[in-house]
């Protein structure tokens, strides 16, 4: 089983190089991450962006610009459109966000005619989090795309969490539906939905998964906390593989606290599109971006 992000890189390498299309890939973090991924044998990269800027950044960082196929385009929106088109046409296996805002990037993916989402499809953001204080990788959703997932979307998020955990070698993922408390409170909507999802999991309606909820974050992650709080009947507390957050605010706060406060490393992709789409923050480290590339390559068909 894969328990570290560097093992994700190793597993992706075993599948051979993937063709990577980078939308407006002209900032130093993105170029450094893509160059590292190229040197390690993960990708054959195409950068859609301002060629003059890309060459300047490469020169400043002493990066061999010939590692990249560069498609010269000045507009960030046009760069996204062209990168998305390459994935849609099957000439690229993985899409990656460069120096563009998330909303522009997502609009390109979601475009009705030119995008990568099937009719009535649902996109969600899935991340891997490696924390020094936890014994394996955590698969989490959603920190960047769906503000307040409805019940149907949460079922799809569980599907995407399970698929990602399967890539790590987890045959039956343990998924915790997170809420503010582990008590089932009829007045808290997220608690009720967590409880229903847990029962659906018990009945096999969500696939080969173990789902429990509602669980507070501390109960989900630490068995001793569950025992101290006298939480009964949870088969996954303290050993969860996946965290399903009730909304984007809670997921995003955990995601950023894990990296900036908790000393964690991250990888992140968009699930539900025609191909894996790397979605990282412009402030994420080059290492996190490389790990995200590796995860996307591992998920690519």
C-alpha atoms as a PDB file:
ATOM      1  CA  UNK A   1       0.000   0.000   0.000  1.00  0.00           C
ATOM      2  CA  UNK A   2       1.187   3.527  -0.786  1.00  0.00           C
ATOM      3  CA  UNK A   3       1.571   5.507   2.449  1.00  0.00           C
ATOM      4  CA  UNK A   4       3.866   8.374   1.355  1.00  0.00           C
ATOM      5  CA  UNK A   5       3.714  10.881  -1.469  1.00  0.00           C
ATOM      6  CA  UNK A   6       7.139   9.881  -2.801  1.00  0.00           C
ATOM      7  CA  UNK A   7       5.688   6.404  -3.305  1.00  0.00           C
ATOM      8  CA  UNK A   8       2.986   7.968  -5.504  1.00  0.00           C
ATOM      9  CA  UNK A   9       5.808   9.228  -7.719  1.00  0.00           C
ATOM     10  CA  UNK A  10       7.338   5.740  -7.859  1.00  0.00           C
ATOM     11  CA  UNK A  11       3.999   4.144  -8.782  1.00  0.00           C
ATOM     12  CA  UNK A  12       3.369   6.721 -11.512  1.00  0.00           C
ATOM     13  CA  UNK A  13       6.858   6.170 -12.937  1.00  0.00           C
ATOM     14  CA  UNK A  14       6.087   2.476 -13.313  1.00  0.00           C
ATOM     15  CA  UNK A  15       3.294   3.412 -15.747  1.00  0.00           C
ATOM     16  CA  UNK A  16       5.591   5.347 -18.095  1.00  0.00           C
ATOM     17  CA  UNK A  17       5.552   8.995 -19.161  1.00  0.00           C
ATOM     18  CA  UNK A  18       2.223  10.788 -19.609  1.00  0.00           C
ATOM     19  CA  UNK A  19       1.613  13.723 -21.940  1.00  0.00           C
ATOM     20  CA  UNK A  20       1.059  16.846 -19.836  1.00  0.00           C
ATOM     21  CA  UNK A  21      -0.661  20.021 -21.090  1.00  0.00           C
ATOM     22  CA  UNK A  22       0.012  23.023 -18.839  1.00  0.00           C
ATOM     23  CA  UNK A  23      -2.394  25.958 -19.108  1.00  0.00           C
ATOM     24  CA  UNK A  24      -0.444  29.222 -18.885  1.00  0.00           C
ATOM     25  CA  UNK A  25       2.587  27.450 -17.472  1.00  0.00           C
ATOM     26  CA  UNK A  26       4.973  30.374 -17.127  1.00  0.00           C
ATOM     27  CA  UNK A  27       5.537  30.917 -13.395  1.00  0.00           C
ATOM     28  CA  UNK A  28       8.637  29.660 -11.628  1.00  0.00           C
ATOM     29  CA  UNK A  29       6.846  27.189  -9.297  1.00  0.00           C
ATOM     30  CA  UNK A  30       4.967  25.509 -12.139  1.00  0.00           C
ATOM     31  CA  UNK A  31       7.977  25.388 -14.446  1.00  0.00           C
ATOM     32  CA  UNK A  32      10.185  23.984 -11.669  1.00  0.00           C
ATOM     33  CA  UNK A  33       7.615  21.306 -10.788  1.00  0.00           C
ATOM     34  CA  UNK A  34       7.052  20.305 -14.416  1.00  0.00           C
ATOM     35  CA  UNK A  35      10.806  20.248 -15.085  1.00  0.00           C
ATOM     36  CA  UNK A  36      11.373  17.994 -12.062  1.00  0.00           C
ATOM     37  CA  UNK A  37       8.548  15.736 -13.252  1.00  0.00           C
ATOM     38  CA  UNK A  38      10.122  15.613 -16.713  1.00  0.00           C
ATOM     39  CA  UNK A  39      13.582  14.802 -15.354  1.00  0.00           C
ATOM     40  CA  UNK A  40      12.165  12.029 -13.180  1.00  0.00           C
ATOM     41  CA  UNK A  41      10.467  10.447 -16.181  1.00  0.00           C
ATOM     42  CA  UNK A  42       6.857  11.268 -15.283  1.00  0.00           C
ATOM     43  CA  UNK A  43       5.793  13.480 -18.194  1.00  0.00           C
ATOM     44  CA  UNK A  44       6.337  14.817 -21.671  1.00  0.00           C
ATOM     45  CA  UNK A  45       5.317  18.444 -21.050  1.00  0.00           C
ATOM     46  CA  UNK A  46       3.739  21.072 -23.300  1.00  0.00           C
ATOM     47  CA  UNK A  47       3.554  24.585 -21.876  1.00  0.00           C
ATOM     48  CA  UNK A  48       0.860  26.885 -23.239  1.00  0.00           C
ATOM     49  CA  UNK A  49       1.965  30.428 -22.445  1.00  0.00           C
ATOM     50  CA  UNK A  50       4.110  33.422 -23.345  1.00  0.00           C
ATOM     51  CA  UNK A  51       7.252  31.903 -24.862  1.00  0.00           C
ATOM     52  CA  UNK A  52       9.402  34.920 -24.048  1.00  0.00           C
ATOM     53  CA  UNK A  53       8.384  34.810 -20.380  1.00  0.00           C
ATOM     54  CA  UNK A  54       8.908  31.038 -20.182  1.00  0.00           C
ATOM     55  CA  UNK A  55      12.401  31.343 -21.668  1.00  0.00           C
ATOM     56  CA  UNK A  56      13.262  34.151 -19.256  1.00  0.00           C
ATOM     57  CA  UNK A  57      12.098  32.180 -16.208  1.00  0.00           C
ATOM     58  CA  UNK A  58      14.014  29.108 -17.378  1.00  0.00           C
ATOM     59  CA  UNK A  59      17.177  31.170 -17.853  1.00  0.00           C
ATOM     60  CA  UNK A  60      16.870  32.696 -14.375  1.00  0.00           C
ATOM     61  CA  UNK A  61      16.388  29.257 -12.813  1.00  0.00           C
ATOM     62  CA  UNK A  62      19.040  27.558 -14.993  1.00  0.00           C
ATOM     63  CA  UNK A  63      16.445  25.177 -16.395  1.00  0.00           C
ATOM     64  CA  UNK A  64      16.922  23.621 -19.830  1.00  0.00           C
ATOM     65  CA  UNK A  65      14.064  25.139 -21.824  1.00  0.00           C
ATOM     66  CA  UNK A  66      14.400  22.453 -24.501  1.00  0.00           C
ATOM     67  CA  UNK A  67      12.726  20.024 -22.056  1.00  0.00           C
ATOM     68  CA  UNK A  68       9.435  21.715 -22.922  1.00  0.00           C
ATOM     69  CA  UNK A  69       7.310  21.867 -26.017  1.00  0.00           C
ATOM     70  CA  UNK A  70       6.183  25.517 -25.899  1.00  0.00           C
ATOM     71  CA  UNK A  71       3.024  26.784 -27.577  1.00  0.00           C
ATOM     72  CA  UNK A  72       3.348  30.557 -27.657  1.00  0.00           C
ATOM     73  CA  UNK A  73       0.106  32.216 -26.509  1.00  0.00           C
ATOM     74  CA  UNK A  74      -0.150  35.552 -24.684  1.00  0.00           C
ATOM     75  CA  UNK A  75      -3.670  35.275 -23.239  1.00  0.00           C
ATOM     76  CA  UNK A  76      -4.285  33.147 -20.163  1.00  0.00           C
ATOM     77  CA  UNK A  77      -7.848  32.346 -21.278  1.00  0.00           C
ATOM     78  CA  UNK A  78      -6.632  31.262 -24.721  1.00  0.00           C
ATOM     79  CA  UNK A  79      -3.888  29.171 -23.124  1.00  0.00           C
ATOM     80  CA  UNK A  80      -6.496  27.334 -21.044  1.00  0.00           C
ATOM     81  CA  UNK A  81      -8.685  26.794 -24.097  1.00  0.00           C
ATOM     82  CA  UNK A  82      -5.796  25.327 -26.096  1.00  0.00           C
ATOM     83  CA  UNK A  83      -4.563  23.100 -23.265  1.00  0.00           C
ATOM     84  CA  UNK A  84      -8.092  21.782 -22.654  1.00  0.00           C
ATOM     85  CA  UNK A  85      -8.516  21.159 -26.386  1.00  0.00           C
ATOM     86  CA  UNK A  86      -5.376  19.025 -26.451  1.00  0.00           C
ATOM     87  CA  UNK A  87      -6.755  16.805 -23.685  1.00  0.00           C
ATOM     88  CA  UNK A  88     -10.170  16.635 -25.331  1.00  0.00           C
ATOM     89  CA  UNK A  89      -8.557  15.597 -28.626  1.00  0.00           C
ATOM     90  CA  UNK A  90      -6.553  12.866 -26.891  1.00  0.00           C
ATOM     91  CA  UNK A  91      -3.143  14.403 -27.606  1.00  0.00           C
ATOM     92  CA  UNK A  92      -2.545  14.979 -23.876  1.00  0.00           C
ATOM     93  CA  UNK A  93      -3.256  12.655 -20.948  1.00  0.00           C
ATOM     94  CA  UNK A  94      -3.232  15.165 -18.091  1.00  0.00           C
ATOM     95  CA  UNK A  95      -4.190  18.830 -17.746  1.00  0.00           C
ATOM     96  CA  UNK A  96      -2.432  21.191 -15.327  1.00  0.00           C
ATOM     97  CA  UNK A  97      -3.163  24.673 -14.027  1.00  0.00           C
ATOM     98  CA  UNK A  98      -0.388  27.225 -14.350  1.00  0.00           C
ATOM     99  CA  UNK A  99      -0.407  30.941 -13.495  1.00  0.00           C
ATOM    100  CA  UNK A 100      -4.182  31.362 -13.782  1.00  0.00           C
ATOM    101  CA  UNK A 101      -6.977  31.766 -11.286  1.00  0.00           C
ATOM    102  CA  UNK A 102      -8.970  28.693 -10.358  1.00  0.00           C
ATOM    103  CA  UNK A 103     -12.213  30.175 -11.706  1.00  0.00           C
ATOM    104  CA  UNK A 104     -10.737  30.709 -15.192  1.00  0.00           C
ATOM    105  CA  UNK A 105      -9.200  27.230 -15.177  1.00  0.00           C
ATOM    106  CA  UNK A 106     -12.477  25.628 -14.114  1.00  0.00           C
ATOM    107  CA  UNK A 107     -14.463  27.580 -16.715  1.00  0.00           C
ATOM    108  CA  UNK A 108     -12.239  26.052 -19.388  1.00  0.00           C
ATOM    109  CA  UNK A 109     -12.810  22.531 -18.056  1.00  0.00           C
ATOM    110  CA  UNK A 110     -16.557  23.107 -17.657  1.00  0.00           C
ATOM    111  CA  UNK A 111     -17.181  24.780 -21.028  1.00  0.00           C
ATOM    112  CA  UNK A 112     -20.332  23.203 -22.467  1.00  0.00           C
ATOM    113  CA  UNK A 113     -18.961  22.522 -25.958  1.00  0.00           C
ATOM    114  CA  UNK A 114     -15.186  22.688 -25.559  1.00  0.00           C
ATOM    115  CA  UNK A 115     -14.721  21.389 -22.029  1.00  0.00           C
ATOM    116  CA  UNK A 116     -13.957  18.015 -20.479  1.00  0.00           C
ATOM    117  CA  UNK A 117     -17.084  17.244 -18.438  1.00  0.00           C
ATOM    118  CA  UNK A 118     -19.749  14.823 -19.696  1.00  0.00           C
ATOM    119  CA  UNK A 119     -23.423  15.908 -19.594  1.00  0.00           C
ATOM    120  CA  UNK A 120     -24.719  16.041 -16.009  1.00  0.00           C
ATOM    121  CA  UNK A 121     -21.223  15.210 -14.800  1.00  0.00           C
ATOM    122  CA  UNK A 122     -19.983  16.256 -11.371  1.00  0.00           C
ATOM    123  CA  UNK A 123     -16.496  17.591 -10.730  1.00  0.00           C
ATOM    124  CA  UNK A 124     -14.871  17.486  -7.331  1.00  0.00           C
ATOM    125  CA  UNK A 125     -11.462  18.227  -5.893  1.00  0.00           C
ATOM    126  CA  UNK A 126      -9.570  15.341  -4.311  1.00  0.00           C
ATOM    127  CA  UNK A 127      -6.362  15.792  -2.355  1.00  0.00           C
ATOM    128  CA  UNK A 128      -3.773  13.574  -0.753  1.00  0.00           C
ATOM    129  CA  UNK A 129      -2.394  14.887   2.518  1.00  0.00           C
ATOM    130  CA  UNK A 130       0.768  13.525   4.122  1.00  0.00           C
ATOM    131  CA  UNK A 131       0.924  14.581   7.764  1.00  0.00           C
ATOM    132  CA  UNK A 132       3.856  13.856  10.107  1.00  0.00           C
ATOM    133  CA  UNK A 133       1.315  13.021  12.827  1.00  0.00           C
ATOM    134  CA  UNK A 134      -0.719  10.464  10.849  1.00  0.00           C
ATOM    135  CA  UNK A 135       0.352   6.969   9.894  1.00  0.00           C
ATOM    136  CA  UNK A 136      -0.743   7.004   6.247  1.00  0.00           C
ATOM    137  CA  UNK A 137      -1.933   9.281   3.486  1.00  0.00           C
ATOM    138  CA  UNK A 138      -5.315  10.938   3.884  1.00  0.00           C
ATOM    139  CA  UNK A 139      -7.563  11.334   0.853  1.00  0.00           C
ATOM    140  CA  UNK A 140      -9.825  14.345   1.310  1.00  0.00           C
ATOM    141  CA  UNK A 141     -12.622  16.170  -0.525  1.00  0.00           C
ATOM    142  CA  UNK A 142     -13.632  18.894  -1.336  1.00  0.00           C
ATOM    143  CA  UNK A 143     -11.480  21.953  -0.656  1.00  0.00           C
ATOM    144  CA  UNK A 144     -11.732  23.937  -3.883  1.00  0.00           C
ATOM    145  CA  UNK A 145     -14.712  23.295  -6.174  1.00  0.00           C
ATOM    146  CA  UNK A 146     -18.107  22.491  -4.600  1.00  0.00           C
ATOM    147  CA  UNK A 147     -19.041  25.143  -2.005  1.00  0.00           C
ATOM    148  CA  UNK A 148     -21.887  23.253  -0.347  1.00  0.00           C
ATOM    149  CA  UNK A 149     -22.286  19.752  -1.798  1.00  0.00           C
ATOM    150  CA  UNK A 150     -25.801  18.385  -1.861  1.00  0.00           C
ATOM    151  CA  UNK A 151     -26.594  14.775  -1.009  1.00  0.00           C
ATOM    152  CA  UNK A 152     -26.138  13.522  -4.584  1.00  0.00           C
ATOM    153  CA  UNK A 153     -22.808  15.299  -4.884  1.00  0.00           C
ATOM    154  CA  UNK A 154     -21.631  13.778  -1.606  1.00  0.00           C
ATOM    155  CA  UNK A 155     -22.346  10.317  -2.985  1.00  0.00           C
ATOM    156  CA  UNK A 156     -20.179  11.141  -6.009  1.00  0.00           C
ATOM    157  CA  UNK A 157     -17.478  12.541  -3.757  1.00  0.00           C
ATOM    158  CA  UNK A 158     -17.414   9.233  -1.901  1.00  0.00           C
ATOM    159  CA  UNK A 159     -17.029   7.454  -5.250  1.00  0.00           C
ATOM    160  CA  UNK A 160     -14.093   9.675  -6.230  1.00  0.00           C
ATOM    161  CA  UNK A 161     -12.482   9.367  -2.793  1.00  0.00           C
ATOM    162  CA  UNK A 162     -12.726   5.576  -3.061  1.00  0.00           C
ATOM    163  CA  UNK A 163     -11.246   5.542  -6.582  1.00  0.00           C
ATOM    164  CA  UNK A 164      -8.308   7.620  -5.417  1.00  0.00           C
ATOM    165  CA  UNK A 165      -7.747   5.430  -2.360  1.00  0.00           C
ATOM    166  CA  UNK A 166      -7.850   2.381  -4.656  1.00  0.00           C
ATOM    167  CA  UNK A 167      -4.917   3.896  -6.585  1.00  0.00           C
ATOM    168  CA  UNK A 168      -2.971   3.784  -3.320  1.00  0.00           C
ATOM    169  CA  UNK A 169      -3.704   0.080  -2.943  1.00  0.00           C
ATOM    170  CA  UNK A 170      -6.552   0.461  -0.451  1.00  0.00           C
ATOM    171  CA  UNK A 171      -9.091  -2.171  -1.501  1.00  0.00           C
ATOM    172  CA  UNK A 172     -11.846  -1.147   0.922  1.00  0.00           C
ATOM    173  CA  UNK A 173     -11.393   2.521   1.835  1.00  0.00           C
ATOM    174  CA  UNK A 174     -12.481   3.701   5.280  1.00  0.00           C
ATOM    175  CA  UNK A 175     -14.323   6.989   4.735  1.00  0.00           C
ATOM    176  CA  UNK A 176     -15.221   9.367   7.558  1.00  0.00           C
ATOM    177  CA  UNK A 177     -18.049  11.844   6.973  1.00  0.00           C
ATOM    178  CA  UNK A 178     -16.891  14.843   8.979  1.00  0.00           C
ATOM    179  CA  UNK A 179     -19.147  17.119  10.998  1.00  0.00           C
ATOM    180  CA  UNK A 180     -18.765  19.342  14.059  1.00  0.00           C
ATOM    181  CA  UNK A 181     -19.738  16.507  16.380  1.00  0.00           C
ATOM    182  CA  UNK A 182     -19.980  12.749  16.351  1.00  0.00           C
ATOM    183  CA  UNK A 183     -23.473  12.933  17.803  1.00  0.00           C
ATOM    184  CA  UNK A 184     -26.430  12.557  15.452  1.00  0.00           C
ATOM    185  CA  UNK A 185     -28.299  15.837  15.876  1.00  0.00           C
ATOM    186  CA  UNK A 186     -31.560  16.247  13.912  1.00  0.00           C
ATOM    187  CA  UNK A 187     -31.078  20.020  13.835  1.00  0.00           C
ATOM    188  CA  UNK A 188     -27.716  19.795  12.004  1.00  0.00           C
ATOM    189  CA  UNK A 189     -28.196  18.961   8.322  1.00  0.00           C
ATOM    190  CA  UNK A 190     -24.651  17.704   7.746  1.00  0.00           C
ATOM    191  CA  UNK A 191     -25.008  15.288  10.687  1.00  0.00           C
ATOM    192  CA  UNK A 192     -28.139  13.757   9.232  1.00  0.00           C
ATOM    193  CA  UNK A 193     -26.593  13.375   5.783  1.00  0.00           C
ATOM    194  CA  UNK A 194     -23.498  11.789   7.326  1.00  0.00           C
ATOM    195  CA  UNK A 195     -25.675   9.289   9.168  1.00  0.00           C
ATOM    196  CA  UNK A 196     -27.626   8.409   6.029  1.00  0.00           C
ATOM    197  CA  UNK A 197     -24.421   7.974   4.008  1.00  0.00           C
ATOM    198  CA  UNK A 198     -23.031   5.710   6.722  1.00  0.00           C
ATOM    199  CA  UNK A 199     -26.131   3.519   6.593  1.00  0.00           C
ATOM    200  CA  UNK A 200     -26.001   3.442   2.791  1.00  0.00           C
ATOM    201  CA  UNK A 201     -22.405   2.291   3.116  1.00  0.00           C
ATOM    202  CA  UNK A 202     -23.472  -0.479   5.478  1.00  0.00           C
ATOM    203  CA  UNK A 203     -26.043  -1.639   2.924  1.00  0.00           C
ATOM    204  CA  UNK A 204     -23.498  -1.710   0.096  1.00  0.00           C
ATOM    205  CA  UNK A 205     -25.122   1.148  -1.810  1.00  0.00           C
ATOM    206  CA  UNK A 206     -21.864   3.112  -2.098  1.00  0.00           C
ATOM    207  CA  UNK A 207     -19.619   0.347  -3.383  1.00  0.00           C
ATOM    208  CA  UNK A 208     -16.787  -1.473  -1.648  1.00  0.00           C
ATOM    209  CA  UNK A 209     -16.237   1.076   1.114  1.00  0.00           C
ATOM    210  CA  UNK A 210     -16.651   1.462   4.864  1.00  0.00           C
ATOM    211  CA  UNK A 211     -18.408   4.736   5.673  1.00  0.00           C
ATOM    212  CA  UNK A 212     -18.994   6.162   9.136  1.00  0.00           C
ATOM    213  CA  UNK A 213     -20.461   9.425  10.287  1.00  0.00           C
ATOM    214  CA  UNK A 214     -21.074  11.848  11.584  1.00  0.00           C
ATOM    215  CA  UNK A 215     -17.586  11.944  13.072  1.00  0.00           C
ATOM    216  CA  UNK A 216     -15.744  14.940  14.421  1.00  0.00           C
ATOM    217  CA  UNK A 217     -12.251  15.346  12.979  1.00  0.00           C
ATOM    218  CA  UNK A 218     -10.458  14.332  16.188  1.00  0.00           C
ATOM    219  CA  UNK A 219     -12.557  11.188  16.582  1.00  0.00           C
ATOM    220  CA  UNK A 220     -11.974  10.232  12.957  1.00  0.00           C
ATOM    221  CA  UNK A 221      -8.189  10.564  13.191  1.00  0.00           C
ATOM    222  CA  UNK A 222      -7.396   9.423  16.717  1.00  0.00           C
ATOM    223  CA  UNK A 223      -8.693   6.207  18.261  1.00  0.00           C
ATOM    224  CA  UNK A 224      -7.806   7.339  21.785  1.00  0.00           C
ATOM    225  CA  UNK A 225     -10.060  10.376  21.358  1.00  0.00           C
ATOM    226  CA  UNK A 226     -12.915   8.135  20.230  1.00  0.00           C
ATOM    227  CA  UNK A 227     -12.371   5.938  23.285  1.00  0.00           C
ATOM    228  CA  UNK A 228     -12.172   8.930  25.612  1.00  0.00           C
ATOM    229  CA  UNK A 229     -15.423  10.325  24.201  1.00  0.00           C
ATOM    230  CA  UNK A 230     -16.985   6.852  24.499  1.00  0.00           C
ATOM    231  CA  UNK A 231     -17.879   6.740  20.803  1.00  0.00           C
ATOM    232  CA  UNK A 232     -19.306   3.285  20.224  1.00  0.00           C
ATOM    233  CA  UNK A 233     -19.793   1.285  17.059  1.00  0.00           C
ATOM    234  CA  UNK A 234     -17.167   2.921  14.821  1.00  0.00           C
ATOM    235  CA  UNK A 235     -14.997   0.438  12.968  1.00  0.00           C
ATOM    236  CA  UNK A 236     -12.855   3.157  11.375  1.00  0.00           C
ATOM    237  CA  UNK A 237     -12.086   5.767  14.048  1.00  0.00           C
ATOM    238  CA  UNK A 238      -8.339   6.279  14.257  1.00  0.00           C
ATOM    239  CA  UNK A 239      -7.610   4.490  10.997  1.00  0.00           C
ATOM    240  CA  UNK A 240      -9.528   6.390   8.292  1.00  0.00           C
ATOM    241  CA  UNK A 241      -8.272   6.560   4.729  1.00  0.00           C
ATOM    242  CA  UNK A 242     -10.582   9.338   3.528  1.00  0.00           C
ATOM    243  CA  UNK A 243     -12.255  12.438   4.912  1.00  0.00           C
ATOM    244  CA  UNK A 244     -15.448  13.810   3.369  1.00  0.00           C
ATOM    245  CA  UNK A 245     -15.944  17.403   4.520  1.00  0.00           C
ATOM    246  CA  UNK A 246     -19.420  18.939   4.774  1.00  0.00           C
ATOM    247  CA  UNK A 247     -18.504  22.094   2.848  1.00  0.00           C
ATOM    248  CA  UNK A 248     -15.681  23.887   1.112  1.00  0.00           C
ATOM    249  CA  UNK A 249     -14.889  26.123   4.093  1.00  0.00           C
ATOM    250  CA  UNK A 250     -14.132  23.270   6.464  1.00  0.00           C
ATOM    251  CA  UNK A 251     -12.190  21.316   3.848  1.00  0.00           C
ATOM    252  CA  UNK A 252     -10.152  24.320   2.747  1.00  0.00           C
ATOM    253  CA  UNK A 253      -9.244  25.293   6.307  1.00  0.00           C
ATOM    254  CA  UNK A 254      -8.059  21.738   7.034  1.00  0.00           C
ATOM    255  CA  UNK A 255      -6.123  21.593   3.739  1.00  0.00           C
ATOM    256  CA  UNK A 256      -4.234  24.839   4.396  1.00  0.00           C
ATOM    257  CA  UNK A 257      -3.712  24.206   8.085  1.00  0.00           C
ATOM    258  CA  UNK A 258      -2.282  20.780   7.274  1.00  0.00           C
ATOM    259  CA  UNK A 259       0.394  22.274   5.022  1.00  0.00           C
ATOM    260  CA  UNK A 260       1.146  25.644   6.619  1.00  0.00           C
ATOM    261  CA  UNK A 261       0.740  24.722  10.287  1.00  0.00           C
ATOM    262  CA  UNK A 262       0.917  20.945  10.426  1.00  0.00           C
ATOM    263  CA  UNK A 263       4.025  20.534   8.254  1.00  0.00           C
ATOM    264  CA  UNK A 264       2.185  18.387   5.736  1.00  0.00           C
ATOM    265  CA  UNK A 265       2.753  17.884   2.031  1.00  0.00           C
ATOM    266  CA  UNK A 266      -0.036  17.720  -0.516  1.00  0.00           C
ATOM    267  CA  UNK A 267      -1.138  16.505  -3.914  1.00  0.00           C
ATOM    268  CA  UNK A 268      -4.379  17.586  -5.558  1.00  0.00           C
ATOM    269  CA  UNK A 269      -6.395  16.820  -8.694  1.00  0.00           C
ATOM    270  CA  UNK A 270      -9.863  17.336 -10.123  1.00  0.00           C
ATOM    271  CA  UNK A 271     -11.929  14.182 -10.566  1.00  0.00           C
ATOM    272  CA  UNK A 272     -14.925  13.731 -12.853  1.00  0.00           C
ATOM    273  CA  UNK A 273     -13.459  15.185 -16.043  1.00  0.00           C
ATOM    274  CA  UNK A 274     -12.407  13.340 -19.203  1.00  0.00           C
ATOM    275  CA  UNK A 275      -8.872  13.201 -17.825  1.00  0.00           C
ATOM    276  CA  UNK A 276      -7.188  14.008 -14.496  1.00  0.00           C
ATOM    277  CA  UNK A 277      -6.712  17.757 -14.008  1.00  0.00           C
ATOM    278  CA  UNK A 278      -4.026  19.082 -11.690  1.00  0.00           C
ATOM    279  CA  UNK A 279      -5.449  21.852  -9.517  1.00  0.00           C
ATOM    280  CA  UNK A 280      -3.080  23.455  -7.037  1.00  0.00           C
ATOM    281  CA  UNK A 281      -2.936  26.898  -5.511  1.00  0.00           C
ATOM    282  CA  UNK A 282      -0.594  29.477  -7.008  1.00  0.00           C
ATOM    283  CA  UNK A 283       0.958  29.594  -3.535  1.00  0.00           C
ATOM    284  CA  UNK A 284       1.634  25.839  -3.303  1.00  0.00           C
ATOM    285  CA  UNK A 285       5.234  24.665  -3.313  1.00  0.00           C
ATOM    286  CA  UNK A 286       6.929  23.221  -6.378  1.00  0.00           C
ATOM    287  CA  UNK A 287       7.151  19.911  -4.497  1.00  0.00           C
ATOM    288  CA  UNK A 288       3.377  19.820  -3.910  1.00  0.00           C
ATOM    289  CA  UNK A 289       2.853  20.575  -7.591  1.00  0.00           C
ATOM    290  CA  UNK A 290       5.178  17.727  -8.572  1.00  0.00           C
ATOM    291  CA  UNK A 291       3.311  15.351  -6.267  1.00  0.00           C
ATOM    292  CA  UNK A 292       0.048  16.520  -7.860  1.00  0.00           C
ATOM    293  CA  UNK A 293       1.443  15.782 -11.303  1.00  0.00           C
ATOM    294  CA  UNK A 294       2.418  12.302 -10.129  1.00  0.00           C
ATOM    295  CA  UNK A 295      -1.060  11.658  -8.714  1.00  0.00           C
ATOM    296  CA  UNK A 296      -2.663  12.784 -11.968  1.00  0.00           C
ATOM    297  CA  UNK A 297      -0.312  10.549 -13.960  1.00  0.00           C
ATOM    298  CA  UNK A 298      -1.161   7.619 -11.708  1.00  0.00           C
ATOM    299  CA  UNK A 299      -4.880   8.277 -12.282  1.00  0.00           C
ATOM    300  CA  UNK A 300      -4.568   8.746 -16.048  1.00  0.00           C
ATOM    301  CA  UNK A 301      -5.724   5.941 -18.307  1.00  0.00           C
END
